Amino acid sequence: MNRKIALALALAAAGTAAHADEITVDPFPFKSTLSRAEVMADLMQHRRSGIDTQADDYNPLAQFRGAKTRADVRAEFMAERDTVAAMTREDSGSAYLARVKPALARETQLARSQDDASN
């Protein structure tokens, strides 16, 4: 009985493996710009750096320094305060966007084929 189950599983696995390369989920498959040797060199350099990105105490922002001052960020927020308040209301900003969108509306652009472009 176990042999029959093992054989059935092996045949099922072999049958699905034959079709695996025919399935394309991503319409834009990944194309590497680096060679395998370059990727391995980058990995070795990272390992030599001593930074363990999987460690519990890893802090990617420990060395980060912003270019803006607190006053700059605060001034930007104050300038956009009404927009922020509208976007965080109960309707998630839909009433605000309905009011503002006509002002931002653009002229409708239609696509055309290469044949139409030559005329």
Protein backbone atom coordinates (compact mmCIF):
# COMPACT_ATOMS: atom_id res chain seq x y z
CA MET A 1 0.00 0.00 0.00
CA ASN A 2 2.81 2.41 0.89
CA ARG A 3 4.52 1.69 -2.42
CA LYS A 4 1.35 2.58 -4.31
CA ILE A 5 1.06 5.88 -2.45
CA ALA A 6 4.73 6.69 -2.98
CA LEU A 7 4.43 5.85 -6.69
CA ALA A 8 1.32 8.00 -7.04
CA LEU A 9 3.05 10.94 -5.33
CA ALA A 10 6.15 10.54 -7.49
CA LEU A 11 4.06 10.50 -10.67
CA ALA A 12 2.07 13.52 -9.54
CA ALA A 13 5.26 15.44 -8.77
CA ALA A 14 6.78 14.49 -12.12
CA GLY A 15 3.62 15.56 -13.93
CA THR A 16 3.48 18.99 -12.35
CA ALA A 17 7.21 19.61 -12.80
CA ALA A 18 6.85 19.13 -16.53
CA HIS A 19 4.41 22.03 -16.73
CA ALA A 20 6.07 24.41 -14.26
CA ASP A 21 8.08 26.25 -16.90
CA GLU A 22 4.98 27.02 -18.95
CA ILE A 23 3.43 29.17 -16.22
CA THR A 24 4.46 32.82 -16.28
CA VAL A 25 3.03 34.85 -13.44
CA ASP A 26 5.14 37.95 -13.96
CA PRO A 27 4.69 39.53 -17.40
CA PHE A 28 8.07 41.27 -16.95
CA PRO A 29 10.54 38.59 -15.90
CA PHE A 30 13.57 39.67 -13.89
CA LYS A 31 16.71 40.33 -15.91
CA SER A 32 19.84 40.74 -13.83
CA THR A 33 22.32 43.47 -14.69
CA LEU A 34 25.05 41.85 -12.57
CA SER A 35 26.91 38.64 -13.15
CA ARG A 36 26.89 35.85 -10.59
CA ALA A 37 30.48 36.72 -9.65
CA GLU A 38 29.54 40.38 -9.01
CA VAL A 39 26.61 39.34 -6.80
CA MET A 40 28.82 36.95 -4.83
CA ALA A 41 31.47 39.69 -4.41
CA ASP A 42 28.79 42.06 -3.05
CA LEU A 43 27.59 39.37 -0.65
CA MET A 44 31.12 38.70 0.63
CA GLN A 45 31.71 42.45 1.09
CA HIS A 46 28.47 42.71 3.10
CA ARG A 47 29.44 39.75 5.28
CA ARG A 48 32.88 41.27 5.94
CA SER A 49 31.25 44.55 7.03
CA GLY A 50 30.04 42.88 10.22
CA ILE A 51 26.48 44.17 9.88
CA ASP A 52 23.94 41.46 10.69
CA THR A 53 20.65 42.58 9.16
CA GLN A 54 18.89 39.60 10.74
CA ALA A 55 19.93 40.50 14.31
CA ASP A 56 17.33 41.65 16.82
CA ASP A 57 19.31 44.79 17.62
CA TYR A 58 19.85 45.80 13.97
CA ASN A 59 18.79 49.42 13.47
CA PRO A 60 18.93 50.59 9.84
CA LEU A 61 18.31 54.20 10.92
CA ALA A 62 21.11 54.37 13.47
CA GLN A 63 23.40 56.31 11.13
CA PHE A 64 20.64 58.20 9.30
CA ARG A 65 20.82 61.98 9.33
CA GLY A 66 18.08 63.96 7.64
CA ALA A 67 18.83 66.90 5.37
CA LYS A 68 15.90 68.98 6.64
CA THR A 69 15.65 70.70 9.97
CA ARG A 70 12.77 70.20 12.35
CA ALA A 71 11.56 73.71 11.48
CA ASP A 72 11.53 72.88 7.74
CA VAL A 73 9.46 69.74 8.29
CA ARG A 74 7.10 71.56 10.61
CA ALA A 75 6.61 74.39 8.09
CA GLU A 76 5.83 71.88 5.32
CA PHE A 77 3.28 70.16 7.52
CA MET A 78 1.64 73.43 8.52
CA ALA A 79 1.34 74.38 4.83
CA GLU A 80 -0.41 71.06 4.09
CA ARG A 81 -2.34 70.80 7.37
CA ASP A 82 -5.79 71.10 5.76
CA THR A 83 -4.97 68.38 3.23
CA VAL A 84 -3.65 66.07 5.94
CA ALA A 85 -6.75 66.64 8.07
CA ALA A 86 -9.04 65.97 5.11
CA MET A 87 -7.23 62.77 4.14
CA THR A 88 -7.43 61.36 7.69
CA ARG A 89 -11.13 62.01 8.24
CA GLU A 90 -13.79 59.32 8.43
CA ASP A 91 -14.28 59.28 4.65
CA SER A 92 -10.52 58.92 4.03
CA GLY A 93 -10.47 62.13 2.04
CA SER A 94 -13.05 61.25 -0.60
CA ALA A 95 -15.06 64.44 -0.02
CA TYR A 96 -11.88 66.51 -0.18
CA LEU A 97 -10.74 64.79 -3.38
CA ALA A 98 -14.18 65.25 -4.96
CA ARG A 99 -13.91 68.96 -4.23
CA VAL A 100 -10.29 69.37 -5.36
CA LYS A 101 -10.22 66.94 -8.30
CA PRO A 102 -12.06 69.19 -10.79
CA ALA A 103 -9.38 71.82 -10.26
CA LEU A 104 -6.71 69.24 -11.04
CA ALA A 105 -8.55 67.70 -14.01
CA ARG A 106 -6.65 67.57 -17.27
CA GLU A 107 -7.76 67.47 -20.83
CA THR A 108 -8.61 63.93 -21.94
CA GLN A 109 -5.84 62.30 -23.93
CA LEU A 110 -6.58 59.38 -26.19
CA ALA A 111 -4.02 56.86 -27.38
CA ARG A 112 -3.51 56.46 -31.06
CA SER A 113 -1.79 53.92 -33.23
CA GLN A 114 1.40 54.39 -35.28
CA ASP A 115 -0.73 54.59 -38.45
CA ASP A 116 -2.74 57.51 -37.06
CA ALA A 117 0.44 59.36 -36.06
CA SER A 118 1.74 59.41 -39.64
CA ASN A 119 -1.39 61.16 -40.96
